[in-house]
């Protein structure tokens, strides 16, 4: 997974402020997605992928809330589920961020956990868009 930053510079009289906007690219395994469509047919695969993406997004949102409550056991369970579901629909690169999140939870690093939650939200949004694009290109 490649992480790049676009910067926006704002000039003022006293200082220069540079805002970094993270831009991440998520990889969709098109071969795996095509196989899913071949096995299930377009209608069933569309429904499965749609439900999987909604489930991933809901679990990431739940992780935010659970993390704020300090319920790390349920956060970890949700992270495992996110990893499994993302692999099934060809979003293997999401698994890397999930593994990093598990590591920072082990270390008790709340700042890194917050940063990774923001990253997971971005990746899920990009994954949904990338999967939709890939779905359109799959020939069944």
N, C-alpha and C. Protein backbone atom coordinates (compact mmCIF):
# COMPACT_ATOMS: atom_id res chain seq x y z
N UNK A 1 0.85 -1.16 0.00
CA UNK A 1 0.00 0.00 0.00
C UNK A 1 0.90 1.22 0.00
N UNK A 2 0.60 2.13 -0.86
CA UNK A 2 1.43 3.32 -1.01
C UNK A 2 0.68 4.50 -0.42
N UNK A 3 1.35 5.30 0.38
CA UNK A 3 0.76 6.47 1.00
C UNK A 3 1.52 7.69 0.51
N UNK A 4 0.79 8.59 -0.10
CA UNK A 4 1.39 9.84 -0.56
C UNK A 4 0.62 10.99 0.05
N UNK A 5 1.19 12.16 0.01
CA UNK A 5 0.54 13.34 0.55
C UNK A 5 0.50 14.44 -0.49
N UNK A 6 -0.63 15.09 -0.58
CA UNK A 6 -0.74 16.30 -1.37
C UNK A 6 -0.72 17.44 -0.38
N UNK A 7 -0.01 18.49 -0.68
CA UNK A 7 0.04 19.60 0.27
C UNK A 7 -0.66 20.82 -0.31
N UNK A 8 -1.26 21.55 0.58
CA UNK A 8 -1.90 22.81 0.25
C UNK A 8 -1.22 23.87 1.10
N UNK A 9 -0.67 24.88 0.47
CA UNK A 9 0.07 25.91 1.19
C UNK A 9 -0.80 27.16 1.33
N UNK A 10 -0.84 27.67 2.53
CA UNK A 10 -1.58 28.89 2.80
C UNK A 10 -0.57 29.92 3.31
N UNK A 11 -0.45 31.05 2.63
CA UNK A 11 0.47 32.10 3.06
C UNK A 11 -0.25 33.07 3.99
N UNK A 12 0.44 33.49 4.99
CA UNK A 12 -0.06 34.55 5.85
C UNK A 12 1.11 35.49 6.14
N UNK A 13 0.84 36.59 6.81
CA UNK A 13 1.89 37.56 7.08
C UNK A 13 3.00 36.99 7.97
N UNK A 14 2.61 36.22 8.99
CA UNK A 14 3.58 35.78 9.98
C UNK A 14 4.18 34.41 9.70
N UNK A 15 3.44 33.56 9.00
CA UNK A 15 3.95 32.20 8.83
C UNK A 15 3.34 31.56 7.59
N UNK A 16 3.84 30.40 7.31
CA UNK A 16 3.31 29.61 6.21
C UNK A 16 2.76 28.32 6.79
N UNK A 17 1.53 28.00 6.48
CA UNK A 17 0.90 26.79 6.98
C UNK A 17 0.78 25.81 5.82
N UNK A 18 1.25 24.61 6.04
CA UNK A 18 1.14 23.57 5.03
C UNK A 18 0.23 22.49 5.57
N UNK A 19 -0.86 22.27 4.87
CA UNK A 19 -1.80 21.22 5.27
C UNK A 19 -1.52 19.99 4.43
N UNK A 20 -1.23 18.89 5.08
CA UNK A 20 -0.99 17.63 4.38
C UNK A 20 -2.29 16.85 4.30
N UNK A 21 -2.63 16.44 3.11
CA UNK A 21 -3.84 15.66 2.88
C UNK A 21 -3.40 14.27 2.43
N UNK A 22 -3.63 13.25 3.27
CA UNK A 22 -3.18 11.91 2.90
C UNK A 22 -4.01 11.36 1.73
N UNK A 23 -3.31 10.76 0.80
CA UNK A 23 -3.95 10.11 -0.34
C UNK A 23 -3.43 8.68 -0.38
N UNK A 24 -4.32 7.74 -0.15
CA UNK A 24 -3.92 6.34 -0.13
C UNK A 24 -4.59 5.61 -1.28
N UNK A 25 -3.93 4.61 -1.76
CA UNK A 25 -4.50 3.79 -2.81
C UNK A 25 -4.74 2.40 -2.26
N UNK A 26 -5.93 1.93 -2.46
CA UNK A 26 -6.26 0.58 -2.02
C UNK A 26 -6.27 -0.33 -3.24
N UNK A 27 -5.77 -1.50 -3.06
CA UNK A 27 -5.69 -2.46 -4.17
C UNK A 27 -6.87 -3.42 -4.10
N UNK A 28 -7.58 -3.57 -5.21
CA UNK A 28 -8.65 -4.55 -5.33
C UNK A 28 -8.11 -5.71 -6.15
N UNK A 29 -8.22 -6.89 -5.62
CA UNK A 29 -7.79 -8.09 -6.34
C UNK A 29 -8.89 -8.42 -7.36
N UNK A 30 -8.72 -7.93 -8.57
CA UNK A 30 -9.74 -8.08 -9.62
C UNK A 30 -9.92 -9.54 -10.00
N UNK A 31 -8.85 -10.32 -9.97
CA UNK A 31 -8.94 -11.74 -10.31
C UNK A 31 -9.84 -12.45 -9.31
N UNK A 32 -9.64 -12.16 -8.03
CA UNK A 32 -10.46 -12.78 -6.99
C UNK A 32 -11.91 -12.33 -7.12
N UNK A 33 -12.11 -11.05 -7.39
CA UNK A 33 -13.46 -10.52 -7.55
C UNK A 33 -14.14 -11.15 -8.77
N UNK A 34 -13.41 -11.31 -9.87
CA UNK A 34 -13.97 -11.93 -11.07
C UNK A 34 -14.35 -13.38 -10.79
N UNK A 35 -13.53 -14.08 -10.01
CA UNK A 35 -13.85 -15.46 -9.66
C UNK A 35 -15.13 -15.54 -8.84
N UNK A 36 -15.29 -14.60 -7.93
CA UNK A 36 -16.50 -14.53 -7.12
C UNK A 36 -17.73 -14.33 -8.01
N UNK A 37 -17.60 -13.44 -8.97
CA UNK A 37 -18.70 -13.19 -9.91
C UNK A 37 -18.97 -14.41 -10.79
N UNK A 38 -17.93 -15.08 -11.20
CA UNK A 38 -18.09 -16.28 -12.01
C UNK A 38 -18.81 -17.37 -11.22
N UNK A 39 -18.41 -17.55 -9.97
CA UNK A 39 -18.99 -18.61 -9.13
C UNK A 39 -20.44 -18.33 -8.75
N UNK A 40 -20.75 -17.07 -8.42
CA UNK A 40 -22.07 -16.74 -7.89
C UNK A 40 -23.03 -16.14 -8.91
N UNK A 41 -22.51 -15.63 -10.00
CA UNK A 41 -23.35 -14.89 -10.94
C UNK A 41 -23.41 -13.43 -10.53
N UNK A 42 -23.72 -12.56 -11.49
CA UNK A 42 -23.67 -11.12 -11.24
C UNK A 42 -24.61 -10.70 -10.11
N UNK A 43 -25.85 -11.13 -10.14
CA UNK A 43 -26.82 -10.66 -9.15
C UNK A 43 -26.42 -11.03 -7.73
N UNK A 44 -26.09 -12.29 -7.52
CA UNK A 44 -25.71 -12.74 -6.17
C UNK A 44 -24.40 -12.11 -5.71
N UNK A 45 -23.44 -12.03 -6.63
CA UNK A 45 -22.15 -11.44 -6.27
C UNK A 45 -22.30 -9.95 -5.94
N UNK A 46 -23.12 -9.23 -6.72
CA UNK A 46 -23.37 -7.82 -6.41
C UNK A 46 -23.93 -7.66 -5.00
N UNK A 47 -24.90 -8.50 -4.66
CA UNK A 47 -25.51 -8.43 -3.32
C UNK A 47 -24.49 -8.78 -2.24
N UNK A 48 -23.70 -9.81 -2.48
CA UNK A 48 -22.70 -10.24 -1.49
C UNK A 48 -21.65 -9.15 -1.27
N UNK A 49 -21.14 -8.60 -2.35
CA UNK A 49 -20.11 -7.56 -2.23
C UNK A 49 -20.68 -6.32 -1.56
N UNK A 50 -21.90 -5.94 -1.93
CA UNK A 50 -22.54 -4.78 -1.30
C UNK A 50 -22.72 -4.96 0.20
N UNK A 51 -23.19 -6.14 0.57
CA UNK A 51 -23.36 -6.42 2.01
C UNK A 51 -22.02 -6.47 2.74
N UNK A 52 -21.01 -7.04 2.08
CA UNK A 52 -19.69 -7.13 2.70
C UNK A 52 -19.11 -5.74 2.94
N UNK A 53 -19.22 -4.86 1.94
CA UNK A 53 -18.70 -3.49 2.10
C UNK A 53 -19.45 -2.74 3.18
N UNK A 54 -20.77 -2.92 3.25
CA UNK A 54 -21.56 -2.27 4.30
C UNK A 54 -21.15 -2.81 5.67
N UNK A 55 -20.92 -4.11 5.75
CA UNK A 55 -20.50 -4.73 7.01
C UNK A 55 -19.14 -4.20 7.46
N UNK A 56 -18.21 -4.08 6.52
CA UNK A 56 -16.88 -3.55 6.85
C UNK A 56 -17.00 -2.12 7.36
N UNK A 57 -17.76 -1.29 6.66
CA UNK A 57 -17.93 0.11 7.07
C UNK A 57 -18.58 0.21 8.45
N UNK A 58 -19.57 -0.63 8.70
CA UNK A 58 -20.24 -0.62 10.01
C UNK A 58 -19.30 -1.06 11.12
N UNK A 59 -18.50 -2.07 10.83
CA UNK A 59 -17.56 -2.55 11.85
C UNK A 59 -16.47 -1.52 12.15
N UNK A 60 -16.02 -0.80 11.14
CA UNK A 60 -15.01 0.25 11.37
C UNK A 60 -15.63 1.35 12.24
N UNK A 61 -16.87 1.72 11.95
CA UNK A 61 -17.55 2.73 12.77
C UNK A 61 -17.74 2.23 14.21
N UNK A 62 -18.08 0.95 14.35
CA UNK A 62 -18.22 0.37 15.69
C UNK A 62 -16.88 0.39 16.43
N UNK A 63 -15.79 0.12 15.71
CA UNK A 63 -14.46 0.15 16.34
C UNK A 63 -14.16 1.52 16.91
N UNK A 64 -14.54 2.58 16.20
CA UNK A 64 -14.36 3.94 16.72
C UNK A 64 -15.03 4.09 18.07
N UNK A 65 -16.30 3.72 18.12
CA UNK A 65 -17.07 3.86 19.35
C UNK A 65 -16.50 2.98 20.46
N UNK A 66 -16.20 1.74 20.14
CA UNK A 66 -15.69 0.80 21.13
C UNK A 66 -14.31 1.20 21.64
N UNK A 67 -13.51 1.75 20.76
CA UNK A 67 -12.18 2.23 21.15
C UNK A 67 -12.31 3.37 22.15
N UNK A 68 -13.25 4.28 21.90
CA UNK A 68 -13.49 5.39 22.82
C UNK A 68 -13.97 4.89 24.18
N UNK A 69 -14.69 3.78 24.18
CA UNK A 69 -15.19 3.20 25.42
C UNK A 69 -14.15 2.31 26.11
N UNK A 70 -13.06 2.03 25.40
CA UNK A 70 -12.01 1.19 25.97
C UNK A 70 -12.32 -0.30 25.89
N UNK A 71 -13.26 -0.69 25.06
CA UNK A 71 -13.65 -2.09 24.93
C UNK A 71 -12.78 -2.77 23.87
N UNK A 72 -11.53 -3.01 24.22
CA UNK A 72 -10.55 -3.50 23.26
C UNK A 72 -10.81 -4.92 22.80
N UNK A 73 -11.43 -5.75 23.64
CA UNK A 73 -11.71 -7.13 23.23
C UNK A 73 -12.67 -7.16 22.04
N UNK A 74 -13.69 -6.32 22.08
CA UNK A 74 -14.66 -6.29 20.98
C UNK A 74 -14.06 -5.59 19.76
N UNK A 75 -13.19 -4.59 19.99
CA UNK A 75 -12.49 -3.95 18.88
C UNK A 75 -11.67 -5.00 18.14
N UNK A 76 -10.94 -5.82 18.88
CA UNK A 76 -10.12 -6.86 18.25
C UNK A 76 -10.98 -7.86 17.46
N UNK A 77 -12.13 -8.23 18.01
CA UNK A 77 -13.03 -9.15 17.31
C UNK A 77 -13.51 -8.52 16.01
N UNK A 78 -13.88 -7.24 16.07
CA UNK A 78 -14.32 -6.54 14.86
C UNK A 78 -13.19 -6.46 13.83
N UNK A 79 -11.98 -6.20 14.30
CA UNK A 79 -10.83 -6.12 13.39
C UNK A 79 -10.59 -7.45 12.68
N UNK A 80 -10.73 -8.55 13.42
CA UNK A 80 -10.57 -9.87 12.80
C UNK A 80 -11.64 -10.08 11.72
N UNK A 81 -12.88 -9.69 12.03
CA UNK A 81 -13.97 -9.84 11.07
C UNK A 81 -13.74 -8.96 9.83
N UNK A 82 -13.27 -7.75 10.06
CA UNK A 82 -12.98 -6.85 8.93
C UNK A 82 -11.93 -7.49 8.03
N UNK A 83 -10.90 -8.06 8.62
CA UNK A 83 -9.83 -8.69 7.86
C UNK A 83 -10.36 -9.84 7.03
N UNK A 84 -11.17 -10.69 7.62
CA UNK A 84 -11.71 -11.86 6.91
C UNK A 84 -12.62 -11.43 5.77
N UNK A 85 -13.55 -10.53 6.05
CA UNK A 85 -14.52 -10.10 5.03
C UNK A 85 -13.80 -9.37 3.89
N UNK A 86 -12.84 -8.52 4.24
CA UNK A 86 -12.13 -7.78 3.19
C UNK A 86 -11.36 -8.72 2.27
N UNK A 87 -10.82 -9.79 2.81
CA UNK A 87 -10.12 -10.77 1.98
C UNK A 87 -11.09 -11.47 1.03
N UNK A 88 -12.29 -11.73 1.49
CA UNK A 88 -13.27 -12.44 0.68
C UNK A 88 -13.73 -11.64 -0.54
N UNK A 89 -13.70 -10.32 -0.43
CA UNK A 89 -14.17 -9.49 -1.56
C UNK A 89 -13.01 -8.82 -2.30
N UNK A 90 -11.80 -9.29 -2.06
CA UNK A 90 -10.67 -8.82 -2.84
C UNK A 90 -10.01 -7.55 -2.34
N UNK A 91 -10.25 -7.17 -1.10
CA UNK A 91 -9.62 -5.97 -0.53
C UNK A 91 -8.52 -6.36 0.45
N UNK A 92 -7.59 -7.15 -0.02
CA UNK A 92 -6.53 -7.68 0.84
C UNK A 92 -5.67 -6.58 1.44
N UNK A 93 -5.52 -5.46 0.75
CA UNK A 93 -4.66 -4.40 1.27
C UNK A 93 -5.24 -3.76 2.53
N UNK A 94 -6.52 -3.93 2.77
CA UNK A 94 -7.13 -3.44 4.01
C UNK A 94 -6.60 -4.22 5.21
N UNK A 95 -6.23 -5.45 4.95
CA UNK A 95 -5.72 -6.32 6.02
C UNK A 95 -4.44 -5.77 6.65
N UNK A 96 -3.63 -5.08 5.87
CA UNK A 96 -2.38 -4.51 6.38
C UNK A 96 -2.68 -3.49 7.49
N UNK A 97 -3.62 -2.60 7.23
CA UNK A 97 -3.97 -1.58 8.24
C UNK A 97 -4.61 -2.22 9.46
N UNK A 98 -5.38 -3.27 9.25
CA UNK A 98 -5.99 -3.99 10.38
C UNK A 98 -4.89 -4.60 11.25
N UNK A 99 -3.89 -5.20 10.62
CA UNK A 99 -2.78 -5.79 11.38
C UNK A 99 -2.00 -4.72 12.13
N UNK A 100 -1.80 -3.56 11.50
CA UNK A 100 -1.12 -2.46 12.19
C UNK A 100 -1.94 -1.98 13.38
N UNK A 101 -3.26 -1.95 13.22
CA UNK A 101 -4.13 -1.53 14.33
C UNK A 101 -4.00 -2.50 15.49
N UNK A 102 -3.97 -3.79 15.21
CA UNK A 102 -3.80 -4.78 16.27
C UNK A 102 -2.48 -4.59 17.00
N UNK A 103 -1.44 -4.25 16.26
CA UNK A 103 -0.11 -4.02 16.86
C UNK A 103 -0.14 -2.82 17.80
N UNK A 104 -0.73 -1.70 17.36
CA UNK A 104 -0.74 -0.51 18.23
C UNK A 104 -1.65 -0.71 19.43
N UNK A 105 -2.69 -1.54 19.30
CA UNK A 105 -3.51 -1.85 20.46
C UNK A 105 -2.70 -2.65 21.47
N UNK A 106 -1.88 -3.59 20.98
CA UNK A 106 -1.00 -4.37 21.86
C UNK A 106 -0.03 -3.46 22.60
N UNK A 107 0.43 -2.41 21.91
CA UNK A 107 1.40 -1.49 22.49
C UNK A 107 0.74 -0.42 23.37
N UNK A 108 -0.57 -0.31 23.32
CA UNK A 108 -1.28 0.70 24.10
C UNK A 108 -1.09 2.11 23.58
N UNK A 109 -0.79 2.25 22.30
CA UNK A 109 -0.53 3.55 21.69
C UNK A 109 -1.84 4.15 21.18
N UNK A 110 -2.45 5.01 21.99
CA UNK A 110 -3.76 5.57 21.64
C UNK A 110 -3.69 6.57 20.50
N UNK A 111 -2.58 7.28 20.37
CA UNK A 111 -2.42 8.25 19.28
C UNK A 111 -2.34 7.50 17.95
N UNK A 112 -1.53 6.47 17.91
CA UNK A 112 -1.42 5.68 16.68
C UNK A 112 -2.73 4.97 16.36
N UNK A 113 -3.45 4.53 17.39
CA UNK A 113 -4.75 3.88 17.17
C UNK A 113 -5.73 4.86 16.53
N UNK A 114 -5.74 6.10 17.02
CA UNK A 114 -6.63 7.12 16.43
C UNK A 114 -6.25 7.40 14.98
N UNK A 115 -4.96 7.48 14.71
CA UNK A 115 -4.50 7.72 13.33
C UNK A 115 -4.88 6.55 12.42
N UNK A 116 -4.73 5.33 12.92
CA UNK A 116 -5.08 4.17 12.11
C UNK A 116 -6.58 4.06 11.91
N UNK A 117 -7.38 4.49 12.89
CA UNK A 117 -8.84 4.49 12.69
C UNK A 117 -9.20 5.44 11.56
N UNK A 118 -8.57 6.61 11.53
CA UNK A 118 -8.83 7.56 10.44
C UNK A 118 -8.41 6.93 9.10
N UNK A 119 -7.29 6.23 9.13
CA UNK A 119 -6.81 5.57 7.91
C UNK A 119 -7.78 4.49 7.46
N UNK A 120 -8.29 3.69 8.40
CA UNK A 120 -9.26 2.66 8.06
C UNK A 120 -10.51 3.26 7.42
N UNK A 121 -10.98 4.37 7.97
CA UNK A 121 -12.15 5.04 7.38
C UNK A 121 -11.87 5.45 5.93
N UNK A 122 -10.69 6.02 5.69
CA UNK A 122 -10.34 6.43 4.32
C UNK A 122 -10.25 5.22 3.40
N UNK A 123 -9.62 4.16 3.88
CA UNK A 123 -9.46 2.97 3.05
C UNK A 123 -10.78 2.30 2.73
N UNK A 124 -11.68 2.28 3.70
CA UNK A 124 -12.99 1.68 3.46
C UNK A 124 -13.75 2.47 2.40
N UNK A 125 -13.69 3.78 2.50
CA UNK A 125 -14.37 4.62 1.50
C UNK A 125 -13.75 4.40 0.12
N UNK A 126 -12.43 4.36 0.05
CA UNK A 126 -11.76 4.14 -1.22
C UNK A 126 -11.99 2.72 -1.72
N UNK A 127 -12.04 1.78 -0.80
CA UNK A 127 -12.28 0.38 -1.18
C UNK A 127 -13.66 0.20 -1.80
N UNK A 128 -14.64 0.89 -1.25
CA UNK A 128 -15.99 0.81 -1.81
C UNK A 128 -16.00 1.36 -3.23
N UNK A 129 -15.36 2.50 -3.43
CA UNK A 129 -15.31 3.10 -4.77
C UNK A 129 -14.52 2.22 -5.74
N UNK A 130 -13.39 1.70 -5.29
CA UNK A 130 -12.55 0.87 -6.15
C UNK A 130 -13.25 -0.44 -6.49
N UNK A 131 -13.94 -1.01 -5.53
CA UNK A 131 -14.66 -2.26 -5.78
C UNK A 131 -15.80 -2.03 -6.75
N UNK A 132 -16.49 -0.91 -6.61
CA UNK A 132 -17.58 -0.58 -7.54
C UNK A 132 -17.04 -0.46 -8.96
N UNK A 133 -15.91 0.19 -9.09
CA UNK A 133 -15.27 0.33 -10.40
C UNK A 133 -14.87 -1.04 -10.95
N UNK A 134 -14.30 -1.89 -10.09
CA UNK A 134 -13.86 -3.22 -10.52
C UNK A 134 -15.07 -4.08 -10.89
N UNK A 135 -16.16 -3.94 -10.14
CA UNK A 135 -17.36 -4.71 -10.43
C UNK A 135 -17.87 -4.40 -11.84
N UNK A 136 -17.81 -3.16 -12.21
CA UNK A 136 -18.30 -2.74 -13.53
C UNK A 136 -17.47 -3.36 -14.64
N UNK A 137 -16.20 -3.65 -14.37
CA UNK A 137 -15.33 -4.18 -15.41
C UNK A 137 -15.31 -5.70 -15.47
N UNK A 138 -15.97 -6.35 -14.49
CA UNK A 138 -15.98 -7.81 -14.47
C UNK A 138 -16.98 -8.31 -15.51
N UNK A 139 -16.53 -9.19 -16.38
CA UNK A 139 -17.41 -9.79 -17.39
C UNK A 139 -17.84 -11.17 -16.93
N UNK A 140 -19.14 -11.33 -16.78
CA UNK A 140 -19.66 -12.63 -16.35
C UNK A 140 -20.54 -13.20 -17.45
